[in-house]
């Protein structure tokens, strides 16, 4: 992948570092990851969106609208709202899969 976009600045289990160590270009959508923040983070050209805060799952709909070919992975400790579960390719609990293994599978 050419670019990864994480929705929140702080990611669980150093997932950002794990992705970068495998050569991924990681960008972050700041704040609530609204449309302007996603656009600024390069979501239009991204291959993958990693949502690390289930509370920001609304960003998935916006991101998919901006980039219909986007692959979405939710990597969060919290429960994902039912309305967004179908929009994610994978929903992974960091307790079950470490960030290094996740990055290895994604990159």
N, C-alpha and C. Protein backbone atom coordinates (compact mmCIF):
# COMPACT_ATOMS: atom_id res chain seq x y z
N UNK A 1 0.83 -1.18 0.00
CA UNK A 1 0.00 0.00 0.00
C UNK A 1 0.87 1.24 0.00
N UNK A 2 0.38 2.27 -0.62
CA UNK A 2 1.16 3.51 -0.67
C UNK A 2 0.94 4.38 0.55
N UNK A 3 -0.25 4.37 1.11
CA UNK A 3 -0.54 5.26 2.23
C UNK A 3 -1.56 4.62 3.15
N UNK A 4 -1.36 4.80 4.41
CA UNK A 4 -2.32 4.36 5.41
C UNK A 4 -2.82 5.62 6.10
N UNK A 5 -4.06 5.63 6.48
CA UNK A 5 -4.60 6.78 7.19
C UNK A 5 -5.23 6.30 8.49
N UNK A 6 -4.67 6.68 9.60
CA UNK A 6 -5.24 6.35 10.90
C UNK A 6 -6.17 7.47 11.31
N UNK A 7 -7.28 7.11 11.92
CA UNK A 7 -8.30 8.10 12.26
C UNK A 7 -7.94 8.91 13.50
N UNK A 8 -7.25 8.32 14.44
CA UNK A 8 -6.91 9.05 15.67
C UNK A 8 -5.41 9.20 15.80
N UNK A 9 -4.97 10.22 16.54
CA UNK A 9 -3.55 10.47 16.72
C UNK A 9 -2.84 9.41 17.54
N UNK A 10 -3.50 8.93 18.58
CA UNK A 10 -2.89 7.92 19.44
C UNK A 10 -3.48 6.57 19.04
N UNK A 11 -2.63 5.65 18.67
CA UNK A 11 -3.10 4.34 18.23
C UNK A 11 -2.71 3.27 19.23
N UNK A 12 -3.53 2.25 19.40
CA UNK A 12 -3.22 1.22 20.37
C UNK A 12 -2.02 0.38 19.96
N UNK A 13 -1.25 0.01 20.95
CA UNK A 13 -0.15 -0.94 20.74
C UNK A 13 0.83 -0.50 19.65
N UNK A 14 1.02 0.79 19.49
CA UNK A 14 2.01 1.32 18.52
C UNK A 14 1.77 0.85 17.10
N UNK A 15 0.52 0.77 16.69
CA UNK A 15 0.20 0.29 15.35
C UNK A 15 0.82 1.18 14.27
N UNK A 16 0.87 2.48 14.51
CA UNK A 16 1.47 3.39 13.53
C UNK A 16 2.94 3.02 13.29
N UNK A 17 3.68 2.84 14.37
CA UNK A 17 5.09 2.49 14.25
C UNK A 17 5.26 1.13 13.55
N UNK A 18 4.41 0.19 13.88
CA UNK A 18 4.49 -1.14 13.25
C UNK A 18 4.26 -1.05 11.75
N UNK A 19 3.31 -0.23 11.33
CA UNK A 19 3.04 -0.06 9.91
C UNK A 19 4.21 0.63 9.21
N UNK A 20 4.75 1.66 9.85
CA UNK A 20 5.88 2.40 9.27
C UNK A 20 7.12 1.51 9.15
N UNK A 21 7.34 0.65 10.14
CA UNK A 21 8.48 -0.25 10.10
C UNK A 21 8.42 -1.20 8.90
N UNK A 22 7.23 -1.43 8.41
CA UNK A 22 7.05 -2.31 7.25
C UNK A 22 6.94 -1.52 5.94
N UNK A 23 7.27 -0.23 6.01
CA UNK A 23 7.34 0.57 4.80
C UNK A 23 6.08 1.32 4.44
N UNK A 24 5.08 1.31 5.29
CA UNK A 24 3.84 2.03 4.99
C UNK A 24 4.02 3.52 5.22
N UNK A 25 3.39 4.30 4.41
CA UNK A 25 3.33 5.75 4.59
C UNK A 25 2.08 6.01 5.41
N UNK A 26 2.23 6.48 6.63
CA UNK A 26 1.10 6.63 7.54
C UNK A 26 0.76 8.10 7.71
N UNK A 27 -0.51 8.42 7.52
CA UNK A 27 -1.02 9.77 7.76
C UNK A 27 -2.15 9.67 8.76
N UNK A 28 -2.37 10.74 9.51
CA UNK A 28 -3.41 10.75 10.54
C UNK A 28 -4.46 11.81 10.23
N UNK A 29 -5.71 11.43 10.38
CA UNK A 29 -6.80 12.39 10.29
C UNK A 29 -7.03 12.90 11.71
N UNK A 30 -6.85 14.17 11.91
CA UNK A 30 -6.92 14.75 13.24
C UNK A 30 -8.34 14.93 13.75
N UNK A 31 -8.44 15.14 15.04
CA UNK A 31 -9.72 15.46 15.68
C UNK A 31 -10.74 14.36 15.53
N UNK A 32 -11.91 14.75 15.07
CA UNK A 32 -13.00 13.79 14.92
C UNK A 32 -12.97 13.09 13.57
N UNK A 33 -11.91 13.28 12.83
CA UNK A 33 -11.75 12.65 11.51
C UNK A 33 -12.94 12.98 10.60
N UNK A 34 -13.30 14.26 10.57
CA UNK A 34 -14.37 14.70 9.68
C UNK A 34 -13.85 14.80 8.25
N UNK A 35 -14.70 15.17 7.33
CA UNK A 35 -14.33 15.20 5.91
C UNK A 35 -13.07 16.04 5.65
N UNK A 36 -12.98 17.28 6.13
CA UNK A 36 -11.76 18.05 5.87
C UNK A 36 -10.50 17.38 6.43
N UNK A 37 -10.60 16.80 7.62
CA UNK A 37 -9.43 16.14 8.23
C UNK A 37 -9.03 14.91 7.42
N UNK A 38 -10.01 14.16 6.95
CA UNK A 38 -9.71 12.98 6.13
C UNK A 38 -9.07 13.40 4.80
N UNK A 39 -9.61 14.44 4.19
CA UNK A 39 -9.04 14.93 2.93
C UNK A 39 -7.62 15.41 3.13
N UNK A 40 -7.38 16.14 4.21
CA UNK A 40 -6.04 16.65 4.49
C UNK A 40 -5.05 15.50 4.73
N UNK A 41 -5.52 14.42 5.30
CA UNK A 41 -4.67 13.26 5.57
C UNK A 41 -4.44 12.41 4.31
N UNK A 42 -5.08 12.77 3.21
CA UNK A 42 -4.85 12.05 1.95
C UNK A 42 -5.73 10.85 1.73
N UNK A 43 -6.92 10.84 2.30
CA UNK A 43 -7.80 9.68 2.18
C UNK A 43 -8.18 9.37 0.74
N UNK A 44 -8.24 10.37 -0.10
CA UNK A 44 -8.63 10.16 -1.50
C UNK A 44 -7.64 9.23 -2.21
N UNK A 45 -6.37 9.30 -1.83
CA UNK A 45 -5.34 8.47 -2.45
C UNK A 45 -4.94 7.27 -1.60
N UNK A 46 -5.57 7.11 -0.46
CA UNK A 46 -5.20 6.03 0.46
C UNK A 46 -5.68 4.68 -0.05
N UNK A 47 -4.98 3.66 0.36
CA UNK A 47 -5.37 2.30 0.06
C UNK A 47 -6.14 1.69 1.23
N UNK A 48 -5.84 2.17 2.43
CA UNK A 48 -6.36 1.55 3.64
C UNK A 48 -6.66 2.61 4.69
N UNK A 49 -7.79 2.43 5.37
CA UNK A 49 -8.13 3.26 6.52
C UNK A 49 -8.14 2.36 7.73
N UNK A 50 -7.36 2.72 8.75
CA UNK A 50 -7.35 1.97 10.01
C UNK A 50 -8.02 2.86 11.05
N UNK A 51 -9.15 2.41 11.56
CA UNK A 51 -9.89 3.14 12.58
C UNK A 51 -9.51 2.54 13.92
N UNK A 52 -8.92 3.35 14.78
CA UNK A 52 -8.43 2.84 16.06
C UNK A 52 -9.29 3.28 17.24
N UNK A 53 -10.36 3.98 16.97
CA UNK A 53 -11.28 4.43 18.02
C UNK A 53 -12.69 4.17 17.51
N UNK A 54 -13.38 3.21 18.11
CA UNK A 54 -14.73 2.84 17.66
C UNK A 54 -15.68 4.03 17.70
N UNK A 55 -15.41 4.99 18.55
CA UNK A 55 -16.23 6.19 18.62
C UNK A 55 -16.13 7.07 17.39
N UNK A 56 -15.12 6.84 16.59
CA UNK A 56 -14.94 7.61 15.36
C UNK A 56 -15.33 6.82 14.12
N UNK A 57 -16.13 5.80 14.30
CA UNK A 57 -16.53 4.94 13.18
C UNK A 57 -17.32 5.70 12.12
N UNK A 58 -17.90 6.84 12.47
CA UNK A 58 -18.62 7.62 11.47
C UNK A 58 -17.70 8.07 10.34
N UNK A 59 -16.41 8.12 10.61
CA UNK A 59 -15.44 8.50 9.57
C UNK A 59 -15.42 7.49 8.44
N UNK A 60 -15.81 6.26 8.71
CA UNK A 60 -15.79 5.21 7.68
C UNK A 60 -16.71 5.58 6.53
N UNK A 61 -17.92 6.05 6.84
CA UNK A 61 -18.88 6.42 5.80
C UNK A 61 -18.34 7.55 4.95
N UNK A 62 -17.77 8.55 5.59
CA UNK A 62 -17.21 9.70 4.88
C UNK A 62 -16.03 9.25 4.01
N UNK A 63 -15.15 8.45 4.58
CA UNK A 63 -13.98 7.97 3.85
C UNK A 63 -14.38 7.14 2.64
N UNK A 64 -15.36 6.27 2.81
CA UNK A 64 -15.82 5.45 1.68
C UNK A 64 -16.47 6.30 0.60
N UNK A 65 -17.11 7.38 0.99
CA UNK A 65 -17.70 8.31 0.02
C UNK A 65 -16.61 8.99 -0.80
N UNK A 66 -15.51 9.35 -0.14
CA UNK A 66 -14.39 10.02 -0.82
C UNK A 66 -13.52 9.05 -1.62
N UNK A 67 -13.50 7.79 -1.19
CA UNK A 67 -12.63 6.80 -1.82
C UNK A 67 -13.32 5.43 -1.78
N UNK A 68 -14.16 5.14 -2.78
CA UNK A 68 -14.95 3.90 -2.77
C UNK A 68 -14.11 2.62 -2.80
N UNK A 69 -12.85 2.70 -3.21
CA UNK A 69 -12.00 1.51 -3.28
C UNK A 69 -11.22 1.28 -2.00
N UNK A 70 -11.47 2.08 -1.00
CA UNK A 70 -10.75 2.04 0.26
C UNK A 70 -11.00 0.73 1.02
N UNK A 71 -9.96 0.17 1.55
CA UNK A 71 -10.06 -1.00 2.43
C UNK A 71 -10.11 -0.46 3.87
N UNK A 72 -11.04 -0.95 4.67
CA UNK A 72 -11.24 -0.44 6.03
C UNK A 72 -11.00 -1.54 7.05
N UNK A 73 -10.17 -1.22 8.03
CA UNK A 73 -9.91 -2.12 9.15
C UNK A 73 -10.18 -1.34 10.43
N UNK A 74 -11.00 -1.89 11.30
CA UNK A 74 -11.22 -1.30 12.61
C UNK A 74 -10.35 -2.08 13.59
N UNK A 75 -9.45 -1.38 14.24
CA UNK A 75 -8.51 -1.98 15.20
C UNK A 75 -8.70 -1.25 16.51
N UNK A 76 -9.69 -1.68 17.28
CA UNK A 76 -10.07 -0.95 18.48
C UNK A 76 -10.49 -1.88 19.60
N UNK A 77 -10.28 -1.41 20.82
CA UNK A 77 -10.67 -2.17 22.01
C UNK A 77 -12.18 -2.12 22.23
N UNK A 78 -12.81 -1.02 21.88
CA UNK A 78 -14.22 -0.82 22.15
C UNK A 78 -15.11 -1.50 21.11
N UNK A 79 -16.35 -1.70 21.49
CA UNK A 79 -17.34 -2.29 20.60
C UNK A 79 -17.67 -1.30 19.48
N UNK A 80 -17.79 -1.83 18.28
CA UNK A 80 -18.10 -1.01 17.11
C UNK A 80 -19.62 -0.89 16.97
N UNK A 81 -20.12 0.33 16.74
CA UNK A 81 -21.56 0.49 16.54
C UNK A 81 -22.04 -0.39 15.37
N UNK A 82 -23.17 -1.02 15.56
CA UNK A 82 -23.72 -1.97 14.59
C UNK A 82 -23.81 -1.38 13.18
N UNK A 83 -24.17 -0.11 13.08
CA UNK A 83 -24.35 0.54 11.78
C UNK A 83 -23.08 0.57 10.93
N UNK A 84 -21.91 0.42 11.56
CA UNK A 84 -20.66 0.54 10.82
C UNK A 84 -19.94 -0.79 10.61
N UNK A 85 -20.43 -1.84 11.24
CA UNK A 85 -19.77 -3.15 11.13
C UNK A 85 -19.72 -3.65 9.69
N UNK A 86 -20.75 -3.42 8.93
CA UNK A 86 -20.79 -3.87 7.54
C UNK A 86 -19.91 -3.08 6.60
N UNK A 87 -19.43 -1.92 7.04
CA UNK A 87 -18.58 -1.08 6.20
C UNK A 87 -17.10 -1.38 6.36
N UNK A 88 -16.77 -2.22 7.32
CA UNK A 88 -15.37 -2.55 7.57
C UNK A 88 -15.06 -3.93 7.02
N UNK A 89 -13.90 -4.06 6.41
CA UNK A 89 -13.47 -5.36 5.92
C UNK A 89 -13.10 -6.29 7.05
N UNK A 90 -12.50 -5.70 8.10
CA UNK A 90 -12.08 -6.48 9.26
C UNK A 90 -12.28 -5.65 10.51
N UNK A 91 -12.71 -6.31 11.58
CA UNK A 91 -12.81 -5.68 12.89
C UNK A 91 -11.94 -6.52 13.82
N UNK A 92 -10.91 -5.90 14.36
CA UNK A 92 -9.91 -6.64 15.14
C UNK A 92 -9.73 -5.99 16.50
N UNK A 93 -9.75 -6.81 17.53
CA UNK A 93 -9.50 -6.36 18.90
C UNK A 93 -7.99 -6.45 19.15
N UNK A 94 -7.35 -5.35 19.53
CA UNK A 94 -5.90 -5.37 19.80
C UNK A 94 -5.49 -6.39 20.85
N UNK A 95 -6.43 -6.80 21.71
CA UNK A 95 -6.12 -7.82 22.72
C UNK A 95 -5.89 -9.19 22.06
N UNK A 96 -6.48 -9.39 20.90
CA UNK A 96 -6.39 -10.68 20.21
C UNK A 96 -5.30 -10.74 19.16
N UNK A 97 -4.92 -9.58 18.62
CA UNK A 97 -3.91 -9.54 17.57
C UNK A 97 -3.04 -8.31 17.79
N UNK A 98 -1.76 -8.52 18.02
CA UNK A 98 -0.83 -7.42 18.26
C UNK A 98 -0.61 -6.57 17.03
N UNK A 99 -0.13 -5.36 17.25
CA UNK A 99 0.06 -4.42 16.15
C UNK A 99 1.09 -4.90 15.13
N UNK A 100 2.13 -5.58 15.58
CA UNK A 100 3.14 -6.07 14.63
C UNK A 100 2.56 -7.13 13.70
N UNK A 101 1.73 -8.00 14.24
CA UNK A 101 1.10 -9.03 13.42
C UNK A 101 0.09 -8.38 12.48
N UNK A 102 -0.66 -7.40 12.98
CA UNK A 102 -1.60 -6.68 12.13
C UNK A 102 -0.87 -6.03 10.96
N UNK A 103 0.21 -5.31 11.25
CA UNK A 103 0.96 -4.63 10.20
C UNK A 103 1.52 -5.62 9.20
N UNK A 104 1.97 -6.74 9.68
CA UNK A 104 2.51 -7.77 8.79
C UNK A 104 1.44 -8.26 7.82
N UNK A 105 0.21 -8.40 8.31
CA UNK A 105 -0.88 -8.86 7.46
C UNK A 105 -1.36 -7.79 6.47
N UNK A 106 -1.24 -6.52 6.86
CA UNK A 106 -1.77 -5.44 6.02
C UNK A 106 -0.78 -4.94 4.98
N UNK A 107 0.49 -5.00 5.28
CA UNK A 107 1.49 -4.44 4.36
C UNK A 107 2.07 -5.53 3.50
